[in-house]
Amino acid sequence: MKRRDFLKLVSSAGVCAAIPFPLGTAFGATYSPYEGPIYFNIHVSGGLDQSTFTDPREDSLINTWADNQDAGIAGNIRYAPVPGNQAFFDKYYKDMLVINGIDGETNGHASGTVSRWSGRLSRGYPNTCELIAATYGQGLSLPYISRGGYEAGVGIMPYTRLFDLNMMRAVSLPNQASATSNHLKQSDLDILQRYKQARIDTLNNTNTYLPALTRAFSEVDIAYQGRDSLERLADYIPSTGLDTTDAQGNSTNFVRNIHLALISAQAGLTTCVNLASGIGFDLHDNFDAQSDVRMPQLTGAIDYLWEKSEELGLADRLVVFINTELGRTPHYNANQGKDHHRIGSAMFMKKDATWGNRVVGASDERHAVLKINPQTLQVDENGIVLKPKHLIQAYRQLAGVDQGGLAQSYPLNAEDVDFFNPGKNTGYTVNFRA
């Protein structure tokens, strides 16, 4: 890796652009690994069909499987009887909060991605990962890592683009030339660091620089501090390399990216992860055949996330939010595909969640949205239409970042919906068999 690429990567990992640390913080400052909840966003790329996942219809005009099958049921949750779903829902239904009947207010990919993750259709509001990382990740070198979906946000906490294993090794041990040699002697490196710190101290005591230049000095210093904590990654990089295959034998880049993200979380460097699945559900033609291949890849990867988290001792800390930019039409088109639809579904997951095995929100026989009472969660014609802002408000509350000054700077003006009350449930309220 070229030196300029390394410096760019370390800077993106270590700099907190919005809330800079004091200039001149000493090298070797005490580093405390993050041990709180790990928030994991999964963006299902392309627009997941709600009727092929958690809001199925036994109507052959919507799902051809309905000609000879009924929807599956796991606990209180209905699921489509397509490949991969039964094993997934039977295994995890107690850990799921399903949210159906979400009106995304758009059927466009770009605007839907922004809306479903920020709570607002237009850009200018943060992904919740930003709020989480800015709240809990100060001083961490990789507080917010991302690959795809809505990631750029507003800059209150810069994200680090998930890199590959070789680059992770290079970042964690930048002075290592090979398994047996270093670029510099450690004694020489220590001297360089002492001189660098002396220079920072001098700059810190000189008040003649413009604020922008002073900020730049601070950001360089923070980046070098972040470099020190990155050494922890070396202790958690598996000698056997990355996993690329889930337990069902599905091999995807998504599995690889999950493993990379979990390494950073295991090292105590990360509060929130934002990953796009990359599997691709924008199926405008030949829907059934393509979906039957891709659904097991999606559920298999989510299963891998939980199994690998258990193996690494992280499962009890994991909170997973599965979302997508839009739903699919409640009918097939002329090419036997399904087009864009503004109504869709989402899911929260947590191990042994008190709020699991529940369904909030509903859509009717043809996937038109049904209003619900935000407090009782029952279908109510005088209630509200669930929108992304309600989900993101609930996510902020779940993560404990809704009352801070940062969140208040980006108000959602959404009614509070009692999503996580274990005593309340919308369930399924319509006749699904046409």
Protein backbone atom coordinates (compact mmCIF):
# COMPACT_ATOMS: atom_id res chain seq x y z
CA MET A 1 0.00 0.00 0.00
CA LYS A 2 1.33 3.44 -0.90
CA ARG A 3 2.16 5.81 1.93
CA ARG A 4 -0.33 8.46 0.78
CA ASP A 5 -3.11 5.86 0.68
CA PHE A 6 -2.27 4.74 4.19
CA LEU A 7 -2.29 8.32 5.55
CA LYS A 8 -5.61 8.97 3.85
CA LEU A 9 -7.13 5.84 5.37
CA VAL A 10 -5.81 6.54 8.87
CA SER A 11 -7.05 10.10 8.69
CA SER A 12 -10.55 8.98 7.68
CA ALA A 13 -10.55 6.48 10.51
CA GLY A 14 -9.27 8.70 13.25
CA VAL A 15 -10.62 12.19 12.66
CA CYS A 16 -13.82 13.45 14.24
CA ALA A 17 -14.58 16.34 11.92
CA ALA A 18 -17.47 17.89 13.78
CA ILE A 19 -16.26 17.74 17.37
CA PRO A 20 -12.46 18.04 17.37
CA PHE A 21 -10.39 16.95 20.34
CA PRO A 22 -8.08 19.45 22.07
CA LEU A 23 -4.93 20.13 20.09
CA GLY A 24 -1.85 18.48 21.51
CA THR A 25 -3.35 15.44 23.25
CA ALA A 26 -0.33 13.32 24.09
CA PHE A 27 0.68 10.16 22.29
CA GLY A 28 -0.06 7.03 24.20
CA ALA A 29 -3.22 8.44 25.81
CA THR A 30 -5.22 5.77 27.60
CA TYR A 31 -7.49 3.93 25.17
CA SER A 32 -10.67 2.29 26.43
CA PRO A 33 -12.21 -0.22 24.02
CA TYR A 34 -15.92 0.24 23.39
CA GLU A 35 -18.03 -2.34 25.22
CA GLY A 36 -21.56 -1.04 24.64
CA PRO A 37 -24.28 -2.16 22.22
CA ILE A 38 -23.20 -2.68 18.62
CA TYR A 39 -25.75 -1.31 16.19
CA PHE A 40 -25.77 -3.09 12.84
CA ASN A 41 -27.68 -1.60 9.90
CA ILE A 42 -28.45 -3.92 6.99
CA HIS A 43 -29.65 -2.18 3.85
CA VAL A 44 -31.32 -4.73 1.57
CA SER A 45 -30.27 -3.40 -1.82
CA GLY A 46 -32.77 -2.84 -4.59
CA GLY A 47 -36.10 -2.97 -2.80
CA LEU A 48 -37.18 -6.11 -0.93
CA ASP A 49 -40.59 -7.55 -1.71
CA GLN A 50 -42.60 -7.35 1.51
CA SER A 51 -44.83 -10.21 0.34
CA THR A 52 -41.83 -12.50 -0.09
CA PHE A 53 -40.62 -11.80 3.43
CA THR A 54 -42.74 -10.77 6.43
CA ASP A 55 -46.06 -9.65 4.92
CA PRO A 56 -47.08 -12.49 2.56
CA ARG A 57 -50.37 -12.84 0.69
CA GLU A 58 -52.01 -16.11 -0.30
CA ASP A 59 -53.07 -14.54 -3.59
CA SER A 60 -51.62 -15.98 -6.79
CA LEU A 61 -51.77 -12.56 -8.46
CA ILE A 62 -49.25 -11.37 -5.85
CA ASN A 63 -47.33 -14.60 -5.18
CA THR A 64 -47.44 -17.58 -7.53
CA TRP A 65 -46.62 -19.92 -4.64
CA ALA A 66 -50.11 -19.18 -3.30
CA ASP A 67 -51.59 -21.57 -5.89
CA ASN A 68 -50.56 -24.54 -3.75
CA GLN A 69 -49.05 -23.24 -0.50
CA ASP A 70 -50.00 -21.23 2.56
CA ALA A 71 -47.73 -18.74 4.29
CA GLY A 72 -45.54 -20.13 7.03
CA ILE A 73 -46.02 -19.12 10.67
CA ALA A 74 -43.34 -18.87 13.34
CA GLY A 75 -44.69 -17.67 16.67
CA ASN A 76 -46.73 -14.56 15.86
CA ILE A 77 -44.94 -13.87 12.57
CA ARG A 78 -46.08 -14.89 9.10
CA TYR A 79 -43.50 -15.43 6.37
CA ALA A 80 -43.52 -16.37 2.71
CA PRO A 81 -42.81 -20.08 2.02
CA VAL A 82 -39.84 -19.38 -0.27
CA PRO A 83 -36.35 -20.91 -0.01
CA GLY A 84 -34.48 -20.00 3.16
CA ASN A 85 -37.36 -18.42 5.06
CA GLN A 86 -38.62 -21.32 7.17
CA ALA A 87 -35.27 -22.11 8.78
CA PHE A 88 -34.58 -18.40 9.37
CA PHE A 89 -37.92 -17.53 10.95
CA ASP A 90 -38.16 -20.72 13.00
CA LYS A 91 -34.73 -19.96 14.44
CA TYR A 92 -35.09 -16.23 15.14
CA TYR A 93 -38.78 -15.30 15.47
CA LYS A 94 -38.44 -14.69 19.20
CA ASP A 95 -35.75 -12.10 18.47
CA MET A 96 -37.69 -10.21 15.78
CA LEU A 97 -39.83 -7.12 15.71
CA VAL A 98 -41.47 -7.02 12.26
CA ILE A 99 -42.77 -3.69 10.98
CA ASN A 100 -45.23 -3.89 8.08
CA GLY A 101 -47.25 -1.30 6.18
CA ILE A 102 -44.51 1.35 5.99
CA ASP A 103 -45.34 4.13 3.55
CA GLY A 104 -41.94 5.16 2.22
CA GLU A 105 -43.53 8.15 0.42
CA THR A 106 -41.49 7.41 -2.70
CA ASN A 107 -40.85 4.57 -5.13
CA GLY A 108 -37.39 5.80 -6.13
CA HIS A 109 -34.19 4.03 -5.13
CA ALA A 110 -32.14 7.09 -4.19
CA SER A 111 -34.83 9.01 -2.32
CA GLY A 112 -36.09 5.81 -0.69
CA THR A 113 -32.62 4.97 0.62
CA VAL A 114 -32.25 8.42 2.16
CA SER A 115 -35.75 8.36 3.64
CA ARG A 116 -35.64 4.85 5.09
CA TRP A 117 -32.37 5.53 6.96
CA SER A 118 -32.65 9.21 7.93
CA GLY A 119 -36.41 9.64 8.37
CA ARG A 120 -36.57 12.37 5.77
CA LEU A 121 -36.97 12.26 1.99
CA SER A 122 -34.37 14.90 1.13
CA ARG A 123 -30.73 14.80 2.10
CA GLY A 124 -29.49 16.85 5.03
CA TYR A 125 -30.35 14.53 7.93
CA PRO A 126 -27.96 11.96 9.43
CA ASN A 127 -28.06 8.22 9.19
CA THR A 128 -28.71 7.04 12.75
CA CYS A 129 -25.24 5.46 12.70
CA GLU A 130 -23.81 8.98 12.68
CA LEU A 131 -25.75 9.95 15.78
CA ILE A 132 -24.78 6.72 17.55
CA ALA A 133 -21.10 7.09 16.67
CA ALA A 134 -21.01 10.77 17.60
CA THR A 135 -22.65 9.95 20.95
CA TYR A 136 -20.73 6.83 21.96
CA GLY A 137 -17.70 6.76 19.69
CA GLN A 138 -15.63 9.80 20.61
CA GLY A 139 -11.99 8.76 20.77
CA LEU A 140 -12.52 5.51 18.86
CA SER A 141 -10.62 5.08 15.63
CA LEU A 142 -13.43 3.34 13.68
CA PRO A 143 -16.65 4.39 15.42
CA TYR A 144 -18.76 4.28 12.25
CA ILE A 145 -17.86 1.89 9.45
CA SER A 146 -19.89 1.58 6.31
CA ARG A 147 -20.19 0.05 2.89
CA GLY A 148 -23.11 1.17 0.77
CA GLY A 149 -26.62 2.36 1.46
CA TYR A 150 -27.13 5.83 2.93
CA GLU A 151 -23.76 6.55 4.50
CA ALA A 152 -22.53 10.08 3.74
CA GLY A 153 -25.08 11.79 5.99
CA VAL A 154 -24.17 15.24 7.31
CA GLY A 155 -20.64 14.82 8.67
CA ILE A 156 -21.25 14.95 12.41
CA MET A 157 -19.16 11.78 12.55
CA PRO A 158 -17.23 10.71 9.46
CA TYR A 159 -17.57 7.12 8.38
CA THR A 160 -14.73 4.81 7.41
CA ARG A 161 -15.34 2.79 4.27
CA LEU A 162 -14.97 -0.89 5.08
CA PHE A 163 -11.69 -2.10 3.65
CA ASP A 164 -10.26 -5.52 2.85
CA LEU A 165 -8.29 -7.82 5.12
CA ASN A 166 -4.89 -6.95 3.68
CA MET A 167 -5.48 -3.26 4.25
CA MET A 168 -6.75 -4.00 7.74
CA ARG A 169 -3.46 -5.76 8.48
CA ALA A 170 -1.49 -2.84 7.04
CA VAL A 171 -3.43 -0.30 9.11
CA SER A 172 -3.13 -2.26 12.33
CA LEU A 173 0.65 -2.78 11.99
CA PRO A 174 1.88 -0.01 9.67
CA ASN A 175 5.52 -0.41 10.70
CA GLN A 176 5.56 -4.11 9.83
CA ALA A 177 7.36 -4.81 6.55
CA SER A 178 6.92 -8.57 6.77
CA ALA A 179 6.26 -11.29 9.31
CA THR A 180 9.84 -10.97 10.56
CA SER A 181 10.89 -7.36 9.94
CA ASN A 182 9.78 -3.74 10.40
CA HIS A 183 10.26 -0.65 8.27
CA LEU A 184 11.83 1.22 11.19
CA LYS A 185 13.38 0.21 14.45
CA GLN A 186 10.96 0.77 17.31
CA SER A 187 13.52 3.02 19.01
CA ASP A 188 13.70 5.21 15.88
CA LEU A 189 9.92 5.30 15.64
CA ASP A 190 9.70 6.41 19.28
CA ILE A 191 12.10 9.26 18.56
CA LEU A 192 10.02 10.39 15.59
CA GLN A 193 6.88 10.35 17.71
CA ARG A 194 8.52 12.40 20.45
CA TYR A 195 9.63 15.03 17.93
CA LYS A 196 6.20 15.07 16.41
CA GLN A 197 4.62 15.63 19.81
CA ALA A 198 7.06 18.44 20.57
CA ARG A 199 6.06 20.11 17.31
CA ILE A 200 2.38 19.77 18.16
CA ASP A 201 3.01 21.31 21.58
CA THR A 202 4.78 24.24 19.95
CA LEU A 203 1.92 24.79 17.54
CA ASN A 204 -0.54 24.52 20.41
CA ASN A 205 1.22 27.30 22.29
CA THR A 206 1.29 29.59 19.27
CA ASN A 207 -1.88 31.62 18.84
CA THR A 208 -1.07 33.27 15.52
CA TYR A 209 -2.65 30.72 13.21
CA LEU A 210 -6.03 31.02 11.56
CA PRO A 211 -8.78 28.77 13.01
CA ALA A 212 -8.84 26.58 9.89
CA LEU A 213 -5.12 25.86 10.22
CA THR A 214 -5.42 25.21 13.94
CA ARG A 215 -8.23 22.76 13.19
CA ALA A 216 -6.05 21.02 10.61
CA PHE A 217 -3.29 20.57 13.22
CA SER A 218 -5.86 19.07 15.57
CA GLU A 219 -7.17 16.66 12.95
CA VAL A 220 -3.67 15.41 12.16
CA ASP A 221 -3.04 14.83 15.85
CA ILE A 222 -6.29 12.93 16.27
CA ALA A 223 -5.50 10.76 13.26
CA TYR A 224 -2.19 9.73 14.80
CA GLN A 225 -3.89 8.98 18.11
CA GLY A 226 -6.39 6.78 16.26
CA ARG A 227 -3.49 4.95 14.67
CA ASP A 228 -2.35 3.74 18.08
CA SER A 229 -5.70 2.13 18.90
CA LEU A 230 -5.82 0.52 15.45
CA GLU A 231 -3.04 -1.77 16.61
CA ARG A 232 -5.74 -3.70 18.48
CA LEU A 233 -7.06 -4.97 15.16
CA ALA A 234 -3.97 -7.15 14.77
CA ASP A 235 -5.03 -9.19 17.81
CA TYR A 236 -8.39 -10.06 16.24
CA ILE A 237 -7.55 -10.68 12.58
CA PRO A 238 -8.04 -14.43 12.02
CA SER A 239 -5.01 -16.30 10.75
CA THR A 240 -7.28 -18.34 8.45
CA GLY A 241 -8.58 -15.27 6.63
CA LEU A 242 -12.15 -14.08 6.19
CA ASP A 243 -15.31 -16.15 5.99
CA THR A 244 -17.09 -15.85 2.67
CA THR A 245 -19.72 -18.58 3.01
CA ASP A 246 -22.67 -18.90 5.35
CA ALA A 247 -23.80 -22.12 7.02
CA GLN A 248 -26.09 -22.95 4.08
CA GLY A 249 -23.22 -22.76 1.60
CA ASN A 250 -24.14 -19.39 0.09
CA SER A 251 -20.99 -17.49 -0.85
CA THR A 252 -21.38 -13.69 -1.04
CA ASN A 253 -19.34 -10.53 -0.52
CA PHE A 254 -21.97 -9.63 2.07
CA VAL A 255 -20.78 -12.46 4.35
CA ARG A 256 -17.18 -11.29 3.91
CA ASN A 257 -18.12 -7.71 4.79
CA ILE A 258 -20.02 -8.83 7.88
CA HIS A 259 -16.95 -10.71 9.10
CA LEU A 260 -14.72 -7.66 8.51
CA ALA A 261 -17.11 -5.41 10.43
CA LEU A 262 -17.31 -7.84 13.35
CA ILE A 263 -13.50 -7.89 13.63
CA SER A 264 -13.53 -4.14 14.21
CA ALA A 265 -16.38 -4.45 16.72
CA GLN A 266 -14.59 -7.27 18.54
CA ALA A 267 -11.51 -5.05 18.84
CA GLY A 268 -13.64 -2.45 20.64
CA LEU A 269 -13.24 0.18 17.92
CA THR A 270 -16.77 0.39 16.51
CA THR A 271 -20.21 1.45 17.75
CA CYS A 272 -22.25 1.23 14.55
CA VAL A 273 -21.99 -0.61 11.23
CA ASN A 274 -23.85 0.28 8.04
CA LEU A 275 -23.76 -2.40 5.31
CA ALA A 276 -25.64 -2.77 2.05
CA SER A 277 -26.36 -6.38 1.19
CA GLY A 278 -25.20 -6.06 -2.40
CA ILE A 279 -27.38 -9.06 -3.27
CA GLY A 280 -29.79 -7.06 -5.41
CA PHE A 281 -33.58 -7.28 -5.19
CA ASP A 282 -34.58 -4.88 -7.96
CA LEU A 283 -36.25 -7.72 -9.83
CA HIS A 284 -38.28 -6.23 -12.69
CA ASP A 285 -38.30 -9.50 -14.62
CA ASN A 286 -38.35 -13.22 -13.85
CA PHE A 287 -39.04 -12.41 -10.20
CA ASP A 288 -39.70 -15.87 -8.77
CA ALA A 289 -36.62 -17.60 -10.15
CA GLN A 290 -34.28 -14.75 -9.14
CA SER A 291 -35.86 -14.22 -5.73
CA ASP A 292 -35.65 -17.92 -4.90
CA VAL A 293 -31.87 -17.67 -5.30
CA ARG A 294 -31.41 -14.36 -3.52
CA MET A 295 -33.68 -14.78 -0.50
CA PRO A 296 -31.56 -17.64 0.93
CA GLN A 297 -28.46 -15.50 0.39
CA LEU A 298 -30.04 -12.70 2.44
CA THR A 299 -31.40 -14.85 5.28
CA GLY A 300 -28.23 -16.94 5.26
CA ALA A 301 -26.08 -13.82 5.68
CA ILE A 302 -28.20 -12.53 8.56
CA ASP A 303 -27.99 -15.96 10.18
CA TYR A 304 -24.21 -15.82 9.68
CA LEU A 305 -24.13 -12.43 11.43
CA TRP A 306 -25.78 -13.90 14.50
CA GLU A 307 -23.78 -17.13 14.51
CA LYS A 308 -20.46 -15.34 14.04
CA SER A 309 -21.37 -12.79 16.70
CA GLU A 310 -22.07 -15.64 19.10
CA GLU A 311 -18.69 -17.20 18.28
CA LEU A 312 -16.91 -13.88 18.90
CA GLY A 313 -18.77 -13.13 22.14
CA LEU A 314 -20.71 -10.20 20.63
CA ALA A 315 -24.24 -11.58 20.19
CA ASP A 316 -25.57 -10.20 23.48
CA ARG A 317 -24.51 -6.70 22.41
CA LEU A 318 -25.89 -6.77 18.88
CA VAL A 319 -28.90 -4.73 17.73
CA VAL A 320 -29.75 -5.30 14.05
CA PHE A 321 -31.96 -3.08 11.91
CA ILE A 322 -32.93 -4.59 8.52
CA ASN A 323 -34.37 -2.07 6.10
CA THR A 324 -34.78 -1.48 2.35
CA GLU A 325 -35.48 1.52 0.13
CA LEU A 326 -38.87 0.41 -1.22
CA GLY A 327 -41.26 -2.50 -1.59
CA ARG A 328 -42.51 -4.34 -4.68
CA THR A 329 -45.84 -4.15 -6.45
CA PRO A 330 -48.67 -6.49 -5.38
CA HIS A 331 -48.76 -8.02 -8.87
CA TYR A 332 -46.42 -9.27 -11.57
CA ASN A 333 -45.66 -7.20 -14.65
CA ALA A 334 -45.59 -8.40 -18.26
CA ASN A 335 -42.06 -9.76 -17.74
CA GLN A 336 -43.10 -11.72 -14.64
CA GLY A 337 -41.21 -9.24 -12.49
CA LYS A 338 -42.36 -6.91 -9.74
CA ASP A 339 -41.90 -3.16 -10.01
CA HIS A 340 -41.40 -0.42 -7.40
CA HIS A 341 -43.99 0.05 -4.65
CA ARG A 342 -43.92 2.65 -1.89
CA ILE A 343 -45.32 0.30 0.78
CA GLY A 344 -42.89 -2.11 2.42
CA SER A 345 -41.57 -3.72 5.60
CA ALA A 346 -38.58 -3.63 7.96
CA MET A 347 -37.30 -5.56 10.95
CA PHE A 348 -35.41 -5.03 14.22
CA MET A 349 -33.58 -7.95 15.83
CA LYS A 350 -31.99 -8.45 19.25
CA LYS A 351 -31.06 -11.63 21.07
CA ASP A 352 -33.68 -12.54 23.70
CA ALA A 353 -35.45 -9.24 23.06
CA THR A 354 -38.35 -8.56 25.40
CA TRP A 355 -40.03 -6.91 22.43
CA GLY A 356 -39.52 -9.87 20.06
CA ASN A 357 -42.05 -12.16 18.35
CA ARG A 358 -44.26 -9.20 17.46
CA VAL A 359 -45.64 -7.42 14.40
CA VAL A 360 -46.37 -3.69 14.28
CA GLY A 361 -48.14 -2.05 11.36
CA ALA A 362 -50.28 -3.55 8.61
CA SER A 363 -51.28 -3.37 4.99
CA ASP A 364 -54.48 -4.62 3.39
CA GLU A 365 -55.13 -7.46 0.95
CA ARG A 366 -53.44 -5.55 -1.89
CA HIS A 367 -50.64 -4.02 0.19
CA ALA A 368 -52.28 -0.64 0.61
CA VAL A 369 -51.29 0.90 3.92
CA LEU A 370 -53.57 0.63 6.96
CA LYS A 371 -53.50 3.30 9.65
CA ILE A 372 -52.71 2.29 13.23
CA ASN A 373 -53.15 3.90 16.61
CA PRO A 374 -49.62 4.91 17.70
CA GLN A 375 -50.27 3.91 21.31
CA THR A 376 -52.41 0.76 21.10
CA LEU A 377 -50.79 -0.30 17.79
CA GLN A 378 -54.16 -1.55 16.59
CA VAL A 379 -55.52 -0.82 13.12
CA ASP A 380 -57.50 2.40 13.45
CA GLU A 381 -58.96 4.50 10.61
CA ASN A 382 -58.35 7.56 12.81
CA GLY A 383 -54.76 6.56 13.45
CA ILE A 384 -51.53 7.40 11.62
CA VAL A 385 -49.75 6.08 8.55
CA LEU A 386 -46.40 4.56 9.48
CA LYS A 387 -43.59 6.40 7.72
CA PRO A 388 -39.79 6.16 7.84
CA LYS A 389 -39.66 9.05 10.29
CA HIS A 390 -41.52 6.91 12.85
CA LEU A 391 -39.03 4.06 12.44
CA ILE A 392 -36.01 6.33 12.72
CA GLN A 393 -37.48 8.11 15.75
CA ALA A 394 -37.97 4.70 17.39
CA TYR A 395 -34.43 3.66 16.42
CA ARG A 396 -33.02 6.83 18.00
CA GLN A 397 -34.97 6.06 21.16
CA LEU A 398 -33.82 2.44 21.21
CA ALA A 399 -30.20 3.58 20.92
CA GLY A 400 -30.64 6.31 23.52
CA VAL A 401 -29.59 9.12 21.18
CA ASP A 402 -32.96 10.84 20.73
CA GLN A 403 -32.60 13.44 23.50
CA GLY A 404 -29.06 14.66 22.82
CA GLY A 405 -28.26 17.99 21.25
CA LEU A 406 -27.24 16.39 17.98
CA ALA A 407 -30.56 14.61 17.52
CA GLN A 408 -32.44 17.75 18.54
CA SER A 409 -30.66 19.58 15.74
CA TYR A 410 -32.34 17.18 13.33
CA PRO A 411 -35.92 16.88 14.60
CA LEU A 412 -38.16 14.33 12.92
CA ASN A 413 -41.46 15.75 14.20
CA ALA A 414 -42.85 12.23 14.30
CA GLU A 415 -45.53 10.91 16.61
CA ASP A 416 -44.12 8.50 19.17
CA VAL A 417 -45.16 4.96 18.24
CA ASP A 418 -44.94 2.37 21.02
CA PHE A 419 -42.97 -0.06 18.83
CA PHE A 420 -40.97 -1.74 21.59
CA ASN A 421 -43.72 -2.30 24.16
CA PRO A 422 -43.86 -6.13 24.57
CA GLY A 423 -47.49 -5.96 25.67
CA LYS A 424 -48.75 -4.46 22.41
CA ASN A 425 -49.02 -5.87 18.92
CA THR A 426 -50.75 -5.15 15.63
CA GLY A 427 -50.50 -8.68 14.29
CA TYR A 428 -52.14 -9.61 10.98
CA THR A 429 -55.64 -8.28 10.62
CA VAL A 430 -56.86 -9.04 7.08
CA ASN A 431 -57.94 -12.10 5.12
CA PHE A 432 -54.87 -13.11 3.12
CA ARG A 433 -56.38 -15.93 1.05
CA ALA A 434 -57.97 -14.37 -2.03
